[in-house]
Amino acid sequence: MPVKNNIKKIRKERGIKQVRMAEELEVTRQTFTAIENNKYNPSLELALKIVKYFELPIEEVFILKEEEKYEK
């Protein structure tokens, strides 16, 4: 099951620059870009830091997408 996130949406709604957030979370901007674009899942530690940074419940930031199952 893939994990998706709302990081980019939340960050933009709050007017936070990507570079600033990456610096404050002690990751590179490139890593942060990959996470926002769902190309890379953050470590559990980083995911918890992001949730704490936004002061939101984890389910508002990260979404576990269930794969659709097709019957034959």
PDB file of N, CA and C in Angstrom:
ATOM      1  N   MET A   1       0.832  -1.178   0.000  1.00  0.00           N
ATOM      2  CA  MET A   1       0.000   0.000   0.000  1.00  0.00           C
ATOM      3  C   MET A   1       0.877   1.241   0.000  1.00  0.00           C
ATOM      4  N   PRO A   2       0.739   2.065  -0.995  1.00  0.00           N
ATOM      5  CA  PRO A   2       1.573   3.271  -1.044  1.00  0.00           C
ATOM      6  C   PRO A   2       1.140   4.326  -0.019  1.00  0.00           C
ATOM      7  N   VAL A   3       2.113   5.069   0.445  1.00  0.00           N
ATOM      8  CA  VAL A   3       1.855   6.169   1.371  1.00  0.00           C
ATOM      9  C   VAL A   3       1.926   7.471   0.576  1.00  0.00           C
ATOM     10  N   LYS A   4       0.898   8.271   0.677  1.00  0.00           N
ATOM     11  CA  LYS A   4       0.864   9.585   0.040  1.00  0.00           C
ATOM     12  C   LYS A   4       0.908  10.630   1.155  1.00  0.00           C
ATOM     13  N   ASN A   5       1.155  11.877   0.783  1.00  0.00           N
ATOM     14  CA  ASN A   5       1.180  12.915   1.810  1.00  0.00           C
ATOM     15  C   ASN A   5       0.595  14.224   1.301  1.00  0.00           C
ATOM     16  N   ASN A   6       0.217  15.071   2.253  1.00  0.00           N
ATOM     17  CA  ASN A   6      -0.332  16.402   1.979  1.00  0.00           C
ATOM     18  C   ASN A   6       0.655  17.498   2.364  1.00  0.00           C
ATOM     19  N   ILE A   7       1.923  17.168   2.435  1.00  0.00           N
ATOM     20  CA  ILE A   7       2.927  18.121   2.924  1.00  0.00           C
ATOM     21  C   ILE A   7       2.957  19.393   2.087  1.00  0.00           C
ATOM     22  N   LYS A   8       3.042  19.251   0.786  1.00  0.00           N
ATOM     23  CA  LYS A   8       3.138  20.422  -0.096  1.00  0.00           C
ATOM     24  C   LYS A   8       1.916  21.329   0.069  1.00  0.00           C
ATOM     25  N   LYS A   9       0.727  20.732   0.095  1.00  0.00           N
ATOM     26  CA  LYS A   9      -0.518  21.496   0.241  1.00  0.00           C
ATOM     27  C   LYS A   9      -0.530  22.255   1.565  1.00  0.00           C
ATOM     28  N   ILE A  10      -0.214  21.565   2.642  1.00  0.00           N
ATOM     29  CA  ILE A  10      -0.215  22.192   3.972  1.00  0.00           C
ATOM     30  C   ILE A  10       0.833  23.295   4.039  1.00  0.00           C
ATOM     31  N   ARG A  11       2.031  22.996   3.537  1.00  0.00           N
ATOM     32  CA  ARG A  11       3.126  23.976   3.569  1.00  0.00           C
ATOM     33  C   ARG A  11       2.735  25.238   2.818  1.00  0.00           C
ATOM     34  N   LYS A  12       2.148  25.085   1.613  1.00  0.00           N
ATOM     35  CA  LYS A  12       1.762  26.255   0.813  1.00  0.00           C
ATOM     36  C   LYS A  12       0.631  27.042   1.474  1.00  0.00           C
ATOM     37  N   GLU A  13      -0.336  26.324   2.055  1.00  0.00           N
ATOM     38  CA  GLU A  13      -1.436  26.999   2.761  1.00  0.00           C
ATOM     39  C   GLU A  13      -0.916  27.871   3.902  1.00  0.00           C
ATOM     40  N   ARG A  14       0.168  27.443   4.502  1.00  0.00           N
ATOM     41  CA  ARG A  14       0.741  28.174   5.636  1.00  0.00           C
ATOM     42  C   ARG A  14       1.812  29.175   5.217  1.00  0.00           C
ATOM     43  N   GLY A  15       2.108  29.232   3.925  1.00  0.00           N
ATOM     44  CA  GLY A  15       3.088  30.193   3.424  1.00  0.00           C
ATOM     45  C   GLY A  15       4.511  29.886   3.839  1.00  0.00           C
ATOM     46  N   ILE A  16       4.819  28.615   3.995  1.00  0.00           N
ATOM     47  CA  ILE A  16       6.167  28.209   4.405  1.00  0.00           C
ATOM     48  C   ILE A  16       6.978  27.847   3.164  1.00  0.00           C
ATOM     49  N   LYS A  17       8.139  28.421   3.027  1.00  0.00           N
ATOM     50  CA  LYS A  17       9.030  28.113   1.906  1.00  0.00           C
ATOM     51  C   LYS A  17       9.627  26.719   2.092  1.00  0.00           C
ATOM     52  N   GLN A  18       9.761  26.015   0.994  1.00  0.00           N
ATOM     53  CA  GLN A  18      10.305  24.662   1.021  1.00  0.00           C
ATOM     54  C   GLN A  18      11.708  24.636   1.608  1.00  0.00           C
ATOM     55  N   VAL A  19      12.540  25.576   1.211  1.00  0.00           N
ATOM     56  CA  VAL A  19      13.923  25.633   1.696  1.00  0.00           C
ATOM     57  C   VAL A  19      13.953  25.819   3.211  1.00  0.00           C
ATOM     58  N   ARG A  20      13.107  26.706   3.707  1.00  0.00           N
ATOM     59  CA  ARG A  20      13.068  26.966   5.153  1.00  0.00           C
ATOM     60  C   ARG A  20      12.665  25.707   5.924  1.00  0.00           C
ATOM     61  N   MET A  21      11.620  25.042   5.452  1.00  0.00           N
ATOM     62  CA  MET A  21      11.150  23.855   6.149  1.00  0.00           C
ATOM     63  C   MET A  21      12.195  22.751   6.113  1.00  0.00           C
ATOM     64  N   ALA A  22      12.830  22.566   4.962  1.00  0.00           N
ATOM     65  CA  ALA A  22      13.882  21.550   4.834  1.00  0.00           C
ATOM     66  C   ALA A  22      15.015  21.844   5.817  1.00  0.00           C
ATOM     67  N   GLU A  23      15.431  23.102   5.899  1.00  0.00           N
ATOM     68  CA  GLU A  23      16.506  23.484   6.818  1.00  0.00           C
ATOM     69  C   GLU A  23      16.107  23.230   8.268  1.00  0.00           C
ATOM     70  N   GLU A  24      14.890  23.599   8.624  1.00  0.00           N
ATOM     71  CA  GLU A  24      14.441  23.433   9.999  1.00  0.00           C
ATOM     72  C   GLU A  24      14.290  21.961  10.379  1.00  0.00           C
ATOM     73  N   LEU A  25      14.016  21.113   9.388  1.00  0.00           N
ATOM     74  CA  LEU A  25      13.899  19.675   9.647  1.00  0.00           C
ATOM     75  C   LEU A  25      15.230  18.945   9.418  1.00  0.00           C
ATOM     76  N   GLU A  26      16.247  19.707   9.057  1.00  0.00           N
ATOM     77  CA  GLU A  26      17.609  19.198   8.864  1.00  0.00           C
ATOM     78  C   GLU A  26      17.712  18.135   7.771  1.00  0.00           C
ATOM     79  N   VAL A  27      17.057  18.422   6.626  1.00  0.00           N
ATOM     80  CA  VAL A  27      17.190  17.585   5.431  1.00  0.00           C
ATOM     81  C   VAL A  27      17.495  18.505   4.254  1.00  0.00           C
ATOM     82  N   THR A  28      17.973  17.924   3.160  1.00  0.00           N
ATOM     83  CA  THR A  28      18.247  18.752   1.992  1.00  0.00           C
ATOM     84  C   THR A  28      16.941  19.119   1.292  1.00  0.00           C
ATOM     85  N   ARG A  29      16.992  20.189   0.535  1.00  0.00           N
ATOM     86  CA  ARG A  29      15.817  20.592  -0.231  1.00  0.00           C
ATOM     87  C   ARG A  29      15.449  19.508  -1.230  1.00  0.00           C
ATOM     88  N   GLN A  30      16.447  18.851  -1.799  1.00  0.00           N
ATOM     89  CA  GLN A  30      16.201  17.793  -2.778  1.00  0.00           C
ATOM     90  C   GLN A  30      15.445  16.627  -2.141  1.00  0.00           C
ATOM     91  N   THR A  31      15.838  16.258  -0.938  1.00  0.00           N
ATOM     92  CA  THR A  31      15.136  15.188  -0.221  1.00  0.00           C
ATOM     93  C   THR A  31      13.702  15.606   0.048  1.00  0.00           C
ATOM     94  N   PHE A  32      13.539  16.843   0.469  1.00  0.00           N
ATOM     95  CA  PHE A  32      12.209  17.340   0.794  1.00  0.00           C
ATOM     96  C   PHE A  32      11.323  17.397  -0.447  1.00  0.00           C
ATOM     97  N   THR A  33      11.901  17.791  -1.577  1.00  0.00           N
ATOM     98  CA  THR A  33      11.155  17.813  -2.839  1.00  0.00           C
ATOM     99  C   THR A  33      10.669  16.410  -3.193  1.00  0.00           C
ATOM    100  N   ALA A  34      11.540  15.425  -3.056  1.00  0.00           N
ATOM    101  CA  ALA A  34      11.178  14.038  -3.357  1.00  0.00           C
ATOM    102  C   ALA A  34      10.056  13.547  -2.444  1.00  0.00           C
ATOM    103  N   ILE A  35      10.111  13.918  -1.176  1.00  0.00           N
ATOM    104  CA  ILE A  35       9.058  13.519  -0.238  1.00  0.00           C
ATOM    105  C   ILE A  35       7.736  14.178  -0.635  1.00  0.00           C
ATOM    106  N   GLU A  36       7.759  15.476  -0.890  1.00  0.00           N
ATOM    107  CA  GLU A  36       6.538  16.193  -1.277  1.00  0.00           C
ATOM    108  C   GLU A  36       5.915  15.629  -2.548  1.00  0.00           C
ATOM    109  N   ASN A  37       6.742  15.175  -3.461  1.00  0.00           N
ATOM    110  CA  ASN A  37       6.244  14.651  -4.733  1.00  0.00           C
ATOM    111  C   ASN A  37       5.967  13.142  -4.679  1.00  0.00           C
ATOM    112  N   ASN A  38       5.959  12.594  -3.481  1.00  0.00           N
ATOM    113  CA  ASN A  38       5.658  11.181  -3.264  1.00  0.00           C
ATOM    114  C   ASN A  38       6.589  10.238  -4.017  1.00  0.00           C
ATOM    115  N   LYS A  39       7.834  10.658  -4.204  1.00  0.00           N
ATOM    116  CA  LYS A  39       8.827   9.811  -4.855  1.00  0.00           C
ATOM    117  C   LYS A  39       9.686   9.103  -3.819  1.00  0.00           C
ATOM    118  N   TYR A  40       9.559   9.536  -2.579  1.00  0.00           N
ATOM    119  CA  TYR A  40      10.370   8.989  -1.490  1.00  0.00           C
ATOM    120  C   TYR A  40       9.555   9.106  -0.208  1.00  0.00           C
ATOM    121  N   ASN A  41       9.500   8.048   0.575  1.00  0.00           N
ATOM    122  CA  ASN A  41       8.826   8.097   1.867  1.00  0.00           C
ATOM    123  C   ASN A  41       9.848   8.434   2.938  1.00  0.00           C
ATOM    124  N   PRO A  42       9.517   9.390   3.802  1.00  0.00           N
ATOM    125  CA  PRO A  42      10.456   9.749   4.854  1.00  0.00           C
ATOM    126  C   PRO A  42      10.598   8.618   5.869  1.00  0.00           C
ATOM    127  N   SER A  43      11.697   8.637   6.592  1.00  0.00           N
ATOM    128  CA  SER A  43      11.872   7.700   7.699  1.00  0.00           C
ATOM    129  C   SER A  43      10.780   7.988   8.731  1.00  0.00           C
ATOM    130  N   LEU A  44      10.569   7.051   9.618  1.00  0.00           N
ATOM    131  CA  LEU A  44       9.580   7.259  10.675  1.00  0.00           C
ATOM    132  C   LEU A  44       9.943   8.491  11.492  1.00  0.00           C
ATOM    133  N   GLU A  45      11.223   8.647  11.794  1.00  0.00           N
ATOM    134  CA  GLU A  45      11.674   9.801  12.578  1.00  0.00           C
ATOM    135  C   GLU A  45      11.338  11.108  11.868  1.00  0.00           C
ATOM    136  N   LEU A  46      11.641  11.182  10.581  1.00  0.00           N
ATOM    137  CA  LEU A  46      11.363  12.408   9.829  1.00  0.00           C
ATOM    138  C   LEU A  46       9.866  12.636   9.689  1.00  0.00           C
ATOM    139  N   ALA A  47       9.097  11.580   9.465  1.00  0.00           N
ATOM    140  CA  ALA A  47       7.642  11.711   9.358  1.00  0.00           C
ATOM    141  C   ALA A  47       7.067  12.299  10.648  1.00  0.00           C
ATOM    142  N   LEU A  48       7.564  11.820  11.783  1.00  0.00           N
ATOM    143  CA  LEU A  48       7.086  12.341  13.065  1.00  0.00           C
ATOM    144  C   LEU A  48       7.517  13.796  13.283  1.00  0.00           C
ATOM    145  N   LYS A  49       8.706  14.154  12.799  1.00  0.00           N
ATOM    146  CA  LYS A  49       9.156  15.552  12.878  1.00  0.00           C
ATOM    147  C   LYS A  49       8.252  16.461  12.031  1.00  0.00           C
ATOM    148  N   ILE A  50       7.868  15.980  10.852  1.00  0.00           N
ATOM    149  CA  ILE A  50       7.003  16.765   9.963  1.00  0.00           C
ATOM    150  C   ILE A  50       5.638  16.986  10.617  1.00  0.00           C
ATOM    151  N   VAL A  51       5.073  15.928  11.188  1.00  0.00           N
ATOM    152  CA  VAL A  51       3.779  16.028  11.869  1.00  0.00           C
ATOM    153  C   VAL A  51       3.864  17.011  13.033  1.00  0.00           C
ATOM    154  N   LYS A  52       4.942  16.925  13.802  1.00  0.00           N
ATOM    155  CA  LYS A  52       5.134  17.839  14.934  1.00  0.00           C
ATOM    156  C   LYS A  52       5.314  19.283  14.440  1.00  0.00           C
ATOM    157  N   TYR A  53       6.049  19.453  13.343  1.00  0.00           N
ATOM    158  CA  TYR A  53       6.286  20.774  12.758  1.00  0.00           C
ATOM    159  C   TYR A  53       4.964  21.449  12.402  1.00  0.00           C
ATOM    160  N   PHE A  54       4.047  20.672  11.802  1.00  0.00           N
ATOM    161  CA  PHE A  54       2.745  21.212  11.403  1.00  0.00           C
ATOM    162  C   PHE A  54       1.745  21.260  12.556  1.00  0.00           C
ATOM    163  N   GLU A  55       2.041  20.547  13.647  1.00  0.00           N
ATOM    164  CA  GLU A  55       1.126  20.425  14.788  1.00  0.00           C
ATOM    165  C   GLU A  55      -0.232  19.898  14.324  1.00  0.00           C
ATOM    166  N   LEU A  56      -0.181  18.808  13.550  1.00  0.00           N
ATOM    167  CA  LEU A  56      -1.385  18.168  13.029  1.00  0.00           C
ATOM    168  C   LEU A  56      -1.347  16.677  13.347  1.00  0.00           C
ATOM    169  N   PRO A  57      -2.527  16.042  13.360  1.00  0.00           N
ATOM    170  CA  PRO A  57      -2.538  14.585  13.510  1.00  0.00           C
ATOM    171  C   PRO A  57      -1.892  13.933  12.288  1.00  0.00           C
ATOM    172  N   ILE A  58      -1.263  12.812  12.495  1.00  0.00           N
ATOM    173  CA  ILE A  58      -0.531  12.154  11.416  1.00  0.00           C
ATOM    174  C   ILE A  58      -1.425  11.844  10.216  1.00  0.00           C
ATOM    175  N   GLU A  59      -2.692  11.508  10.455  1.00  0.00           N
ATOM    176  CA  GLU A  59      -3.578  11.150   9.350  1.00  0.00           C
ATOM    177  C   GLU A  59      -3.969  12.344   8.475  1.00  0.00           C
ATOM    178  N   GLU A  60      -3.706  13.562   8.941  1.00  0.00           N
ATOM    179  CA  GLU A  60      -3.940  14.739   8.105  1.00  0.00           C
ATOM    180  C   GLU A  60      -2.745  15.039   7.202  1.00  0.00           C
ATOM    181  N   VAL A  61      -1.597  14.488   7.548  1.00  0.00           N
ATOM    182  CA  VAL A  61      -0.375  14.728   6.777  1.00  0.00           C
ATOM    183  C   VAL A  61      -0.070  13.545   5.856  1.00  0.00           C
ATOM    184  N   PHE A  62      -0.220  12.340   6.373  1.00  0.00           N
ATOM    185  CA  PHE A  62       0.103  11.130   5.607  1.00  0.00           C
ATOM    186  C   PHE A  62      -1.139  10.275   5.404  1.00  0.00           C
ATOM    187  N   ILE A  63      -1.264   9.697   4.211  1.00  0.00           N
ATOM    188  CA  ILE A  63      -2.412   8.875   3.850  1.00  0.00           C
ATOM    189  C   ILE A  63      -1.915   7.533   3.342  1.00  0.00           C
ATOM    190  N   LEU A  64      -2.436   6.469   3.904  1.00  0.00           N
ATOM    191  CA  LEU A  64      -2.112   5.137   3.425  1.00  0.00           C
ATOM    192  C   LEU A  64      -3.158   4.753   2.388  1.00  0.00           C
ATOM    193  N   LYS A  65      -2.752   4.711   1.130  1.00  0.00           N
ATOM    194  CA  LYS A  65      -3.668   4.400   0.028  1.00  0.00           C
ATOM    195  C   LYS A  65      -3.781   2.896  -0.120  1.00  0.00           C
ATOM    196  N   GLU A  66      -4.987   2.397  -0.029  1.00  0.00           N
ATOM    197  CA  GLU A  66      -5.191   0.969  -0.253  1.00  0.00           C
ATOM    198  C   GLU A  66      -5.292   0.718  -1.732  1.00  0.00           C
ATOM    199  N   GLU A  67      -4.625  -0.322  -2.169  1.00  0.00           N
ATOM    200  CA  GLU A  67      -4.658  -0.664  -3.584  1.00  0.00           C
ATOM    201  C   GLU A  67      -6.016  -1.242  -3.925  1.00  0.00           C
ATOM    202  N   GLU A  68      -6.513  -0.834  -5.077  1.00  0.00           N
ATOM    203  CA  GLU A  68      -7.801  -1.350  -5.512  1.00  0.00           C
ATOM    204  C   GLU A  68      -7.639  -2.801  -5.924  1.00  0.00           C
ATOM    205  N   LYS A  69      -8.596  -3.606  -5.519  1.00  0.00           N
ATOM    206  CA  LYS A  69      -8.547  -5.013  -5.847  1.00  0.00           C
ATOM    207  C   LYS A  69      -9.648  -5.316  -6.859  1.00  0.00           C
ATOM    208  N   TYR A  70      -9.258  -5.982  -7.884  1.00  0.00           N
ATOM    209  CA  TYR A  70     -10.212  -6.340  -8.928  1.00  0.00           C
ATOM    210  C   TYR A  70     -10.479  -7.829  -8.884  1.00  0.00           C
ATOM    211  N   GLU A  71     -11.733  -8.161  -8.995  1.00  0.00           N
ATOM    212  CA  GLU A  71     -12.097  -9.573  -9.034  1.00  0.00           C
ATOM    213  C   GLU A  71     -12.056 -10.057 -10.462  1.00  0.00           C
ATOM    214  N   LYS A  72     -11.635 -11.319 -10.664  1.00  0.00           N
ATOM    215  CA  LYS A  72     -11.574 -11.882 -12.002  1.00  0.00           C
ATOM    216  C   LYS A  72     -12.850 -12.596 -12.329  1.00  0.00           C
TER     217      LYS A  72
END
